[in-house]
Every structure is written in structure tokens, then in C-alpha cells.
Amino acid sequence: MDSLIKQPTTQHIYYWLDGYWVTDKEEAELMDSINAFGSLHQVLELPVTADIDQAVKQRLEVSH
């Protein structure tokens, strides 16, 4: 039966302008609520096999 369960192919990454990122939405919201990084988180949807550090770095380079 387990083979019939479709595994996710993408994941959500919650990141801040300083490059810090997490995969847990609740943790991201908590960090925002205490203004931990001086900005609100942004969201990337990436393949589960993606290099998260590289993807976040690239996104930050494009947005600046």
C-alpha cells in the first residue's frame, strides 16, 4: 500500500533577506512574530531534490 501513496515532488522554503531559511511554516511565522531577522519571510517552492542554500542565494541575488 505504501507504494500507492504519492510522495511530494516539491517543498516550501521560508527564507529571509539575510539568507536564513527554514522548511517549517510555523517556525517561519514565529521568527516573523519576534522580528528575528528584521524582515518578513518570503516563500520559495522548490523540487525536493533542490540545493536549498543555492536556490535561496540565487533568489536573493536576483531580488537585489
PDB file of N, CA and C in Angstrom:
ATOM      1  N   MET A   1       0.809  -1.199   0.000  1.00  0.00           N
ATOM      2  CA  MET A   1       0.000   0.000   0.000  1.00  0.00           C
ATOM      3  C   MET A   1       0.855   1.267   0.000  1.00  0.00           C
ATOM      4  N   ASP A   2       1.989   1.248   0.665  1.00  0.00           N
ATOM      5  CA  ASP A   2       2.815   2.444   0.721  1.00  0.00           C
ATOM      6  C   ASP A   2       3.251   2.908  -0.660  1.00  0.00           C
ATOM      7  N   SER A   3       3.437   1.973  -1.571  1.00  0.00           N
ATOM      8  CA  SER A   3       3.881   2.353  -2.902  1.00  0.00           C
ATOM      9  C   SER A   3       2.803   3.105  -3.668  1.00  0.00           C
ATOM     10  N   LEU A   4       1.568   3.054  -3.195  1.00  0.00           N
ATOM     11  CA  LEU A   4       0.476   3.764  -3.844  1.00  0.00           C
ATOM     12  C   LEU A   4       0.346   5.207  -3.353  1.00  0.00           C
ATOM     13  N   ILE A   5       1.016   5.541  -2.269  1.00  0.00           N
ATOM     14  CA  ILE A   5       0.964   6.896  -1.737  1.00  0.00           C
ATOM     15  C   ILE A   5       1.948   7.757  -2.528  1.00  0.00           C
ATOM     16  N   LYS A   6       1.425   8.803  -3.134  1.00  0.00           N
ATOM     17  CA  LYS A   6       2.271   9.668  -3.953  1.00  0.00           C
ATOM     18  C   LYS A   6       3.108  10.567  -3.051  1.00  0.00           C
ATOM     19  N   GLN A   7       4.411  10.502  -3.241  1.00  0.00           N
ATOM     20  CA  GLN A   7       5.332  11.333  -2.479  1.00  0.00           C
ATOM     21  C   GLN A   7       5.358  12.738  -3.086  1.00  0.00           C
ATOM     22  N   PRO A   8       5.476  13.755  -2.231  1.00  0.00           N
ATOM     23  CA  PRO A   8       5.542  15.123  -2.770  1.00  0.00           C
ATOM     24  C   PRO A   8       6.794  15.306  -3.620  1.00  0.00           C
ATOM     25  N   THR A   9       6.668  16.128  -4.649  1.00  0.00           N
ATOM     26  CA  THR A   9       7.808  16.406  -5.520  1.00  0.00           C
ATOM     27  C   THR A   9       8.374  17.804  -5.276  1.00  0.00           C
ATOM     28  N   THR A  10       7.637  18.620  -4.512  1.00  0.00           N
ATOM     29  CA  THR A  10       8.118  19.956  -4.199  1.00  0.00           C
ATOM     30  C   THR A  10       8.041  20.203  -2.693  1.00  0.00           C
ATOM     31  N   GLN A  11       8.739  21.243  -2.252  1.00  0.00           N
ATOM     32  CA  GLN A  11       8.721  21.633  -0.851  1.00  0.00           C
ATOM     33  C   GLN A  11       8.701  23.154  -0.771  1.00  0.00           C
ATOM     34  N   HIS A  12       8.164  23.669   0.313  1.00  0.00           N
ATOM     35  CA  HIS A  12       8.165  25.105   0.539  1.00  0.00           C
ATOM     36  C   HIS A  12       9.322  25.466   1.459  1.00  0.00           C
ATOM     37  N   ILE A  13      10.041  26.499   1.066  1.00  0.00           N
ATOM     38  CA  ILE A  13      11.165  27.017   1.830  1.00  0.00           C
ATOM     39  C   ILE A  13      10.804  28.442   2.236  1.00  0.00           C
ATOM     40  N   TYR A  14      10.963  28.732   3.505  1.00  0.00           N
ATOM     41  CA  TYR A  14      10.661  30.053   4.047  1.00  0.00           C
ATOM     42  C   TYR A  14      12.002  30.710   4.352  1.00  0.00           C
ATOM     43  N   TYR A  15      12.263  31.868   3.730  1.00  0.00           N
ATOM     44  CA  TYR A  15      13.590  32.475   3.865  1.00  0.00           C
ATOM     45  C   TYR A  15      13.484  33.975   4.126  1.00  0.00           C
ATOM     46  N   TRP A  16      14.592  34.518   4.637  1.00  0.00           N
ATOM     47  CA  TRP A  16      14.672  35.938   4.955  1.00  0.00           C
ATOM     48  C   TRP A  16      15.787  36.584   4.147  1.00  0.00           C
ATOM     49  N   LEU A  17      15.806  37.904   4.149  1.00  0.00           N
ATOM     50  CA  LEU A  17      16.761  38.652   3.334  1.00  0.00           C
ATOM     51  C   LEU A  17      18.218  38.412   3.722  1.00  0.00           C
ATOM     52  N   ASP A  18      18.462  37.928   4.936  1.00  0.00           N
ATOM     53  CA  ASP A  18      19.845  37.643   5.338  1.00  0.00           C
ATOM     54  C   ASP A  18      20.309  36.254   4.898  1.00  0.00           C
ATOM     55  N   GLY A  19      19.427  35.487   4.238  1.00  0.00           N
ATOM     56  CA  GLY A  19      19.794  34.173   3.727  1.00  0.00           C
ATOM     57  C   GLY A  19      19.404  33.010   4.620  1.00  0.00           C
ATOM     58  N   TYR A  20      18.941  33.296   5.841  1.00  0.00           N
ATOM     59  CA  TYR A  20      18.494  32.218   6.729  1.00  0.00           C
ATOM     60  C   TYR A  20      17.212  31.622   6.158  1.00  0.00           C
ATOM     61  N   TRP A  21      17.053  30.307   6.257  1.00  0.00           N
ATOM     62  CA  TRP A  21      15.844  29.668   5.761  1.00  0.00           C
ATOM     63  C   TRP A  21      15.447  28.493   6.647  1.00  0.00           C
ATOM     64  N   VAL A  22      14.150  28.154   6.593  1.00  0.00           N
ATOM     65  CA  VAL A  22      13.602  27.000   7.304  1.00  0.00           C
ATOM     66  C   VAL A  22      12.584  26.328   6.394  1.00  0.00           C
ATOM     67  N   THR A  23      12.222  25.105   6.731  1.00  0.00           N
ATOM     68  CA  THR A  23      11.213  24.391   5.955  1.00  0.00           C
ATOM     69  C   THR A  23       9.878  24.309   6.676  1.00  0.00           C
ATOM     70  N   ASP A  24       9.817  24.836   7.896  1.00  0.00           N
ATOM     71  CA  ASP A  24       8.616  24.745   8.710  1.00  0.00           C
ATOM     72  C   ASP A  24       7.890  26.086   8.736  1.00  0.00           C
ATOM     73  N   LYS A  25       6.654  26.118   8.238  1.00  0.00           N
ATOM     74  CA  LYS A  25       5.882  27.354   8.158  1.00  0.00           C
ATOM     75  C   LYS A  25       5.641  27.965   9.536  1.00  0.00           C
ATOM     76  N   GLU A  26       5.329  27.139  10.527  1.00  0.00           N
ATOM     77  CA  GLU A  26       5.077  27.661  11.869  1.00  0.00           C
ATOM     78  C   GLU A  26       6.329  28.311  12.459  1.00  0.00           C
ATOM     79  N   GLU A  27       7.478  27.720  12.214  1.00  0.00           N
ATOM     80  CA  GLU A  27       8.726  28.310  12.691  1.00  0.00           C
ATOM     81  C   GLU A  27       8.975  29.654  12.006  1.00  0.00           C
ATOM     82  N   ALA A  28       8.699  29.726  10.707  1.00  0.00           N
ATOM     83  CA  ALA A  28       8.863  30.985   9.980  1.00  0.00           C
ATOM     84  C   ALA A  28       7.948  32.065  10.547  1.00  0.00           C
ATOM     85  N   GLU A  29       6.716  31.702  10.832  1.00  0.00           N
ATOM     86  CA  GLU A  29       5.779  32.673  11.392  1.00  0.00           C
ATOM     87  C   GLU A  29       6.212  33.122  12.784  1.00  0.00           C
ATOM     88  N   LEU A  30       6.757  32.198  13.571  1.00  0.00           N
ATOM     89  CA  LEU A  30       7.259  32.551  14.890  1.00  0.00           C
ATOM     90  C   LEU A  30       8.433  33.524  14.766  1.00  0.00           C
ATOM     91  N   MET A  31       9.357  33.237  13.866  1.00  0.00           N
ATOM     92  CA  MET A  31      10.503  34.133  13.665  1.00  0.00           C
ATOM     93  C   MET A  31      10.039  35.526  13.247  1.00  0.00           C
ATOM     94  N   ASP A  32       9.024  35.594  12.400  1.00  0.00           N
ATOM     95  CA  ASP A  32       8.477  36.894  11.995  1.00  0.00           C
ATOM     96  C   ASP A  32       7.837  37.608  13.188  1.00  0.00           C
ATOM     97  N   SER A  33       7.143  36.861  14.037  1.00  0.00           N
ATOM     98  CA  SER A  33       6.417  37.481  15.150  1.00  0.00           C
ATOM     99  C   SER A  33       7.352  38.123  16.162  1.00  0.00           C
ATOM    100  N   ILE A  34       8.584  37.632  16.244  1.00  0.00           N
ATOM    101  CA  ILE A  34       9.556  38.238  17.159  1.00  0.00           C
ATOM    102  C   ILE A  34      10.576  39.093  16.405  1.00  0.00           C
ATOM    103  N   ASN A  35      10.316  39.323  15.124  1.00  0.00           N
ATOM    104  CA  ASN A  35      11.180  40.144  14.267  1.00  0.00           C
ATOM    105  C   ASN A  35      12.636  39.681  14.361  1.00  0.00           C
ATOM    106  N   ALA A  36      12.837  38.392  14.258  1.00  0.00           N
ATOM    107  CA  ALA A  36      14.157  37.798  14.440  1.00  0.00           C
ATOM    108  C   ALA A  36      15.176  38.228  13.378  1.00  0.00           C
ATOM    109  N   PHE A  37      14.716  38.550  12.188  1.00  0.00           N
ATOM    110  CA  PHE A  37      15.651  38.841  11.098  1.00  0.00           C
ATOM    111  C   PHE A  37      15.471  40.222  10.491  1.00  0.00           C
ATOM    112  N   GLY A  38      14.597  41.038  11.059  1.00  0.00           N
ATOM    113  CA  GLY A  38      14.409  42.392  10.565  1.00  0.00           C
ATOM    114  C   GLY A  38      13.633  42.484   9.266  1.00  0.00           C
ATOM    115  N   SER A  39      13.093  41.371   8.823  1.00  0.00           N
ATOM    116  CA  SER A  39      12.258  41.351   7.625  1.00  0.00           C
ATOM    117  C   SER A  39      11.275  40.189   7.756  1.00  0.00           C
ATOM    118  N   LEU A  40      10.235  40.223   6.962  1.00  0.00           N
ATOM    119  CA  LEU A  40       9.288  39.107   6.940  1.00  0.00           C
ATOM    120  C   LEU A  40       9.803  38.049   5.969  1.00  0.00           C
ATOM    121  N   HIS A  41       9.428  36.801   6.227  1.00  0.00           N
ATOM    122  CA  HIS A  41       9.915  35.720   5.366  1.00  0.00           C
ATOM    123  C   HIS A  41       9.266  35.775   3.986  1.00  0.00           C
ATOM    124  N   GLN A  42       9.964  35.222   3.040  1.00  0.00           N
ATOM    125  CA  GLN A  42       9.488  35.010   1.683  1.00  0.00           C
ATOM    126  C   GLN A  42       9.365  33.496   1.500  1.00  0.00           C
ATOM    127  N   VAL A  43       8.678  33.071   0.437  1.00  0.00           N
ATOM    128  CA  VAL A  43       8.461  31.640   0.220  1.00  0.00           C
ATOM    129  C   VAL A  43       8.956  31.239  -1.175  1.00  0.00           C
ATOM    130  N   LEU A  44       9.685  30.152  -1.209  1.00  0.00           N
ATOM    131  CA  LEU A  44      10.094  29.523  -2.461  1.00  0.00           C
ATOM    132  C   LEU A  44       9.491  28.128  -2.514  1.00  0.00           C
ATOM    133  N   GLU A  45       9.034  27.719  -3.665  1.00  0.00           N
ATOM    134  CA  GLU A  45       8.620  26.331  -3.854  1.00  0.00           C
ATOM    135  C   GLU A  45       9.671  25.686  -4.738  1.00  0.00           C
ATOM    136  N   LEU A  46      10.324  24.662  -4.195  1.00  0.00           N
ATOM    137  CA  LEU A  46      11.430  24.017  -4.876  1.00  0.00           C
ATOM    138  C   LEU A  46      11.204  22.514  -4.994  1.00  0.00           C
ATOM    139  N   PRO A  47      11.850  21.881  -5.956  1.00  0.00           N
ATOM    140  CA  PRO A  47      11.825  20.413  -6.001  1.00  0.00           C
ATOM    141  C   PRO A  47      12.457  19.860  -4.720  1.00  0.00           C
ATOM    142  N   VAL A  48      12.008  18.715  -4.273  1.00  0.00           N
ATOM    143  CA  VAL A  48      12.547  18.137  -3.036  1.00  0.00           C
ATOM    144  C   VAL A  48      14.037  17.825  -3.159  1.00  0.00           C
ATOM    145  N   THR A  49      14.535  17.694  -4.361  1.00  0.00           N
ATOM    146  CA  THR A  49      15.952  17.386  -4.568  1.00  0.00           C
ATOM    147  C   THR A  49      16.816  18.632  -4.744  1.00  0.00           C
ATOM    148  N   ALA A  50      16.218  19.815  -4.665  1.00  0.00           N
ATOM    149  CA  ALA A  50      16.949  21.061  -4.915  1.00  0.00           C
ATOM    150  C   ALA A  50      17.995  21.333  -3.849  1.00  0.00           C
ATOM    151  N   ASP A  51      19.023  22.053  -4.227  1.00  0.00           N
ATOM    152  CA  ASP A  51      20.025  22.573  -3.297  1.00  0.00           C
ATOM    153  C   ASP A  51      19.436  23.858  -2.721  1.00  0.00           C
ATOM    154  N   ILE A  52      18.913  23.778  -1.506  1.00  0.00           N
ATOM    155  CA  ILE A  52      18.179  24.892  -0.918  1.00  0.00           C
ATOM    156  C   ILE A  52      19.079  26.104  -0.723  1.00  0.00           C
ATOM    157  N   ASP A  53      20.281  25.896  -0.197  1.00  0.00           N
ATOM    158  CA  ASP A  53      21.193  27.024   0.014  1.00  0.00           C
ATOM    159  C   ASP A  53      21.443  27.779  -1.294  1.00  0.00           C
ATOM    160  N   GLN A  54      21.705  27.051  -2.336  1.00  0.00           N
ATOM    161  CA  GLN A  54      21.987  27.669  -3.640  1.00  0.00           C
ATOM    162  C   GLN A  54      20.748  28.382  -4.179  1.00  0.00           C
ATOM    163  N   ALA A  55      19.578  27.785  -4.050  1.00  0.00           N
ATOM    164  CA  ALA A  55      18.345  28.392  -4.558  1.00  0.00           C
ATOM    165  C   ALA A  55      18.021  29.689  -3.819  1.00  0.00           C
ATOM    166  N   VAL A  56      18.176  29.689  -2.503  1.00  0.00           N
ATOM    167  CA  VAL A  56      17.907  30.900  -1.719  1.00  0.00           C
ATOM    168  C   VAL A  56      18.916  31.981  -2.085  1.00  0.00           C
ATOM    169  N   LYS A  57      20.190  31.625  -2.181  1.00  0.00           N
ATOM    170  CA  LYS A  57      21.228  32.584  -2.547  1.00  0.00           C
ATOM    171  C   LYS A  57      20.930  33.202  -3.909  1.00  0.00           C
ATOM    172  N   GLN A  58      20.545  32.366  -4.862  1.00  0.00           N
ATOM    173  CA  GLN A  58      20.242  32.849  -6.208  1.00  0.00           C
ATOM    174  C   GLN A  58      19.032  33.782  -6.179  1.00  0.00           C
ATOM    175  N   ARG A  59      18.002  33.431  -5.443  1.00  0.00           N
ATOM    176  CA  ARG A  59      16.812  34.277  -5.351  1.00  0.00           C
ATOM    177  C   ARG A  59      17.158  35.639  -4.752  1.00  0.00           C
ATOM    178  N   LEU A  60      17.986  35.638  -3.725  1.00  0.00           N
ATOM    179  CA  LEU A  60      18.376  36.905  -3.084  1.00  0.00           C
ATOM    180  C   LEU A  60      19.218  37.769  -4.023  1.00  0.00           C
ATOM    181  N   GLU A  61      20.064  37.155  -4.827  1.00  0.00           N
ATOM    182  CA  GLU A  61      20.874  37.905  -5.795  1.00  0.00           C
ATOM    183  C   GLU A  61      19.981  38.543  -6.858  1.00  0.00           C
ATOM    184  N   VAL A  62      18.962  37.836  -7.297  1.00  0.00           N
ATOM    185  CA  VAL A  62      18.052  38.344  -8.320  1.00  0.00           C
ATOM    186  C   VAL A  62      17.203  39.490  -7.777  1.00  0.00           C
ATOM    187  N   SER A  63      16.814  39.402  -6.507  1.00  0.00           N
ATOM    188  CA  SER A  63      15.906  40.402  -5.951  1.00  0.00           C
ATOM    189  C   SER A  63      16.612  41.676  -5.511  1.00  0.00           C
ATOM    190  N   HIS A  64      17.941  41.684  -5.529  1.00  0.00           N
ATOM    191  CA  HIS A  64      18.652  42.896  -5.098  1.00  0.00           C
ATOM    192  C   HIS A  64      19.219  43.642  -6.265  1.00  0.00           C
TER     193      HIS A  64
END
